[in-house]
Amino acid sequence: MTASIPTQDAAQATEGQDIVVKVILRGGYKETLALKSDTPLLRSLLGAVLERAQNTGRRSLFQIPVEAGRASLCFSSDDLVGVITEPPVYVRPNEQAPEAPEAAPMS
């Protein structure tokens, strides 16, 4: 899956900048990855979070090499809870995508 979303503000990042990405999965599992800002995997992870926020119903399978390629982390986008990026990476939906509804206050 690829999302047609810019992953960073033009003023914020340069092409190929190193990004530390913490993938948070259902059940509390976390994996830390080192990615370039222009990698398709980063775009796909952020796109999956955006699609879930917009309730599109799309599902993806992620298969990410870890431990220097000696193992792989496989999970469904349904299990992706969030992505923490350092430095910050902001998702800006493209103009064709419907706007996500405002979050309702928790009672």
C-alpha atoms as a PDB file:
ATOM      1  CA  MET A   1       0.000   0.000   0.000  1.00  0.00           C
ATOM      2  CA  THR A   2       1.187   3.479  -0.738  1.00  0.00           C
ATOM      3  CA  ALA A   3      -0.542   6.621   0.401  1.00  0.00           C
ATOM      4  CA  SER A   4      -0.383   9.743  -1.670  1.00  0.00           C
ATOM      5  CA  ILE A   5       0.401  11.988   1.261  1.00  0.00           C
ATOM      6  CA  PRO A   6       3.361  14.218   1.892  1.00  0.00           C
ATOM      7  CA  THR A   7       5.163  12.829   4.928  1.00  0.00           C
ATOM      8  CA  GLN A   8       6.905  16.027   5.963  1.00  0.00           C
ATOM      9  CA  ASP A   9       6.637  19.743   5.655  1.00  0.00           C
ATOM     10  CA  ALA A  10       8.973  20.991   2.918  1.00  0.00           C
ATOM     11  CA  ALA A  11      10.535  23.450   5.352  1.00  0.00           C
ATOM     12  CA  GLN A  12      11.049  20.715   7.923  1.00  0.00           C
ATOM     13  CA  ALA A  13      12.947  17.957   6.145  1.00  0.00           C
ATOM     14  CA  THR A  14      15.411  17.304   3.405  1.00  0.00           C
ATOM     15  CA  GLU A  15      15.334  14.374   1.002  1.00  0.00           C
ATOM     16  CA  GLY A  16      16.627  11.186   2.568  1.00  0.00           C
ATOM     17  CA  GLN A  17      16.817  12.521   6.137  1.00  0.00           C
ATOM     18  CA  ASP A  18      17.282   9.829   8.813  1.00  0.00           C
ATOM     19  CA  ILE A  19      14.108   9.201  10.821  1.00  0.00           C
ATOM     20  CA  VAL A  20      13.780   7.037  13.932  1.00  0.00           C
ATOM     21  CA  VAL A  21      10.388   5.327  13.713  1.00  0.00           C
ATOM     22  CA  LYS A  22       8.744   3.559  16.644  1.00  0.00           C
ATOM     23  CA  VAL A  23       5.980   1.257  15.432  1.00  0.00           C
ATOM     24  CA  ILE A  24       3.369   0.607  18.135  1.00  0.00           C
ATOM     25  CA  LEU A  25       1.161  -2.445  17.718  1.00  0.00           C
ATOM     26  CA  ARG A  26      -1.939  -3.689  19.496  1.00  0.00           C
ATOM     27  CA  GLY A  27      -1.005  -5.486  22.695  1.00  0.00           C
ATOM     28  CA  GLY A  28       1.794  -3.028  23.473  1.00  0.00           C
ATOM     29  CA  TYR A  29       4.448  -4.485  21.168  1.00  0.00           C
ATOM     30  CA  LYS A  30       6.905  -1.838  19.906  1.00  0.00           C
ATOM     31  CA  GLU A  31       9.624  -1.990  17.267  1.00  0.00           C
ATOM     32  CA  THR A  32      12.118   0.788  16.543  1.00  0.00           C
ATOM     33  CA  LEU A  33      13.274   1.263  12.952  1.00  0.00           C
ATOM     34  CA  ALA A  34      15.777   3.597  11.299  1.00  0.00           C
ATOM     35  CA  LEU A  35      14.321   4.811   7.996  1.00  0.00           C
ATOM     36  CA  LYS A  36      15.020   7.534   5.463  1.00  0.00           C
ATOM     37  CA  SER A  37      12.356  10.224   5.195  1.00  0.00           C
ATOM     38  CA  ASP A  38      11.675   9.331   1.562  1.00  0.00           C
ATOM     39  CA  THR A  39      11.302   5.559   2.019  1.00  0.00           C
ATOM     40  CA  PRO A  40       8.038   3.965   0.836  1.00  0.00           C
ATOM     41  CA  LEU A  41       7.743   2.054   4.133  1.00  0.00           C
ATOM     42  CA  LEU A  42       7.476   5.270   6.164  1.00  0.00           C
ATOM     43  CA  ARG A  43       4.849   6.577   3.758  1.00  0.00           C
ATOM     44  CA  SER A  44       2.928   3.284   4.008  1.00  0.00           C
ATOM     45  CA  LEU A  45       2.988   3.240   7.810  1.00  0.00           C
ATOM     46  CA  LEU A  46       1.748   6.816   8.038  1.00  0.00           C
ATOM     47  CA  GLY A  47      -0.800   6.135   5.302  1.00  0.00           C
ATOM     48  CA  ALA A  48      -2.181   3.178   7.272  1.00  0.00           C
ATOM     49  CA  VAL A  49      -2.608   5.395  10.344  1.00  0.00           C
ATOM     50  CA  LEU A  50      -4.357   8.022   8.222  1.00  0.00           C
ATOM     51  CA  GLU A  51      -6.657   5.472   6.577  1.00  0.00           C
ATOM     52  CA  ARG A  52      -7.663   4.145   9.968  1.00  0.00           C
ATOM     53  CA  ALA A  53      -8.351   7.675  11.221  1.00  0.00           C
ATOM     54  CA  GLN A  54     -10.493   8.296   8.141  1.00  0.00           C
ATOM     55  CA  ASN A  55     -12.240   4.931   8.595  1.00  0.00           C
ATOM     56  CA  THR A  56     -11.669   3.850   4.978  1.00  0.00           C
ATOM     57  CA  GLY A  57     -11.769   0.136   5.801  1.00  0.00           C
ATOM     58  CA  ARG A  58      -8.588  -0.557   3.812  1.00  0.00           C
ATOM     59  CA  ARG A  59      -6.270  -3.164   5.238  1.00  0.00           C
ATOM     60  CA  SER A  60      -2.621  -3.811   4.493  1.00  0.00           C
ATOM     61  CA  LEU A  61      -0.055  -6.416   5.372  1.00  0.00           C
ATOM     62  CA  PHE A  62       3.315  -5.137   6.538  1.00  0.00           C
ATOM     63  CA  GLN A  63       6.423  -7.330   6.301  1.00  0.00           C
ATOM     64  CA  ILE A  64       9.374  -5.408   7.701  1.00  0.00           C
ATOM     65  CA  PRO A  65      12.920  -6.808   7.909  1.00  0.00           C
ATOM     66  CA  VAL A  66      14.366  -6.399  11.426  1.00  0.00           C
ATOM     67  CA  GLU A  67      17.546  -7.442  13.243  1.00  0.00           C
ATOM     68  CA  ALA A  68      19.733  -6.621  10.236  1.00  0.00           C
ATOM     69  CA  GLY A  69      17.563  -8.758   7.973  1.00  0.00           C
ATOM     70  CA  ARG A  70      17.806 -11.894  10.134  1.00  0.00           C
ATOM     71  CA  ALA A  71      14.103 -11.702  11.075  1.00  0.00           C
ATOM     72  CA  SER A  72      10.930 -10.041   9.873  1.00  0.00           C
ATOM     73  CA  LEU A  73       8.054  -8.319  11.601  1.00  0.00           C
ATOM     74  CA  CYS A  74       4.727  -9.131   9.926  1.00  0.00           C
ATOM     75  CA  PHE A  75       1.454  -7.516  10.973  1.00  0.00           C
ATOM     76  CA  SER A  76      -1.832  -6.258   9.606  1.00  0.00           C
ATOM     77  CA  SER A  77      -2.599  -2.561   9.486  1.00  0.00           C
ATOM     78  CA  ASP A  78      -5.511  -3.413  11.827  1.00  0.00           C
ATOM     79  CA  ASP A  79      -2.899  -4.070  14.528  1.00  0.00           C
ATOM     80  CA  LEU A  80      -1.033  -0.799  13.964  1.00  0.00           C
ATOM     81  CA  VAL A  81      -1.862   1.504  16.868  1.00  0.00           C
ATOM     82  CA  GLY A  82       0.498   4.370  16.116  1.00  0.00           C
ATOM     83  CA  VAL A  83       3.818   5.594  14.783  1.00  0.00           C
ATOM     84  CA  ILE A  84       6.231   7.827  16.699  1.00  0.00           C
ATOM     85  CA  THR A  85       8.794   9.639  14.542  1.00  0.00           C
ATOM     86  CA  GLU A  86      11.915  11.529  15.536  1.00  0.00           C
ATOM     87  CA  PRO A  87      12.265  14.163  14.233  1.00  0.00           C
ATOM     88  CA  PRO A  88       8.514  14.728  13.927  1.00  0.00           C
ATOM     89  CA  VAL A  89       6.838  13.766  10.660  1.00  0.00           C
ATOM     90  CA  TYR A  90       3.383  15.222  10.035  1.00  0.00           C
ATOM     91  CA  VAL A  91       0.774  13.642   7.800  1.00  0.00           C
ATOM     92  CA  ARG A  92      -1.113  16.009   5.541  1.00  0.00           C
ATOM     93  CA  PRO A  93      -3.905  14.305   3.584  1.00  0.00           C
ATOM     94  CA  ASN A  94      -4.078  15.159  -0.098  1.00  0.00           C
ATOM     95  CA  GLU A  95      -6.928  17.333  -1.345  1.00  0.00           C
ATOM     96  CA  GLN A  96      -8.912  14.393  -2.759  1.00  0.00           C
ATOM     97  CA  ALA A  97      -9.074  12.565   0.573  1.00  0.00           C
ATOM     98  CA  PRO A  98     -12.109  13.261   2.755  1.00  0.00           C
ATOM     99  CA  GLU A  99     -11.328  15.103   5.948  1.00  0.00           C
ATOM    100  CA  ALA A 100     -11.238  13.040   9.098  1.00  0.00           C
ATOM    101  CA  PRO A 101     -14.048  13.902  11.514  1.00  0.00           C
ATOM    102  CA  GLU A 102     -13.089  15.743  14.658  1.00  0.00           C
ATOM    103  CA  ALA A 103     -12.426  13.512  17.610  1.00  0.00           C
ATOM    104  CA  ALA A 104     -15.243  13.501  20.109  1.00  0.00           C
ATOM    105  CA  PRO A 105     -14.327  14.432  23.666  1.00  0.00           C
ATOM    106  CA  MET A 106     -14.015  11.458  25.978  1.00  0.00           C
ATOM    107  CA  SER A 107     -16.498  11.391  28.814  1.00  0.00           C
END
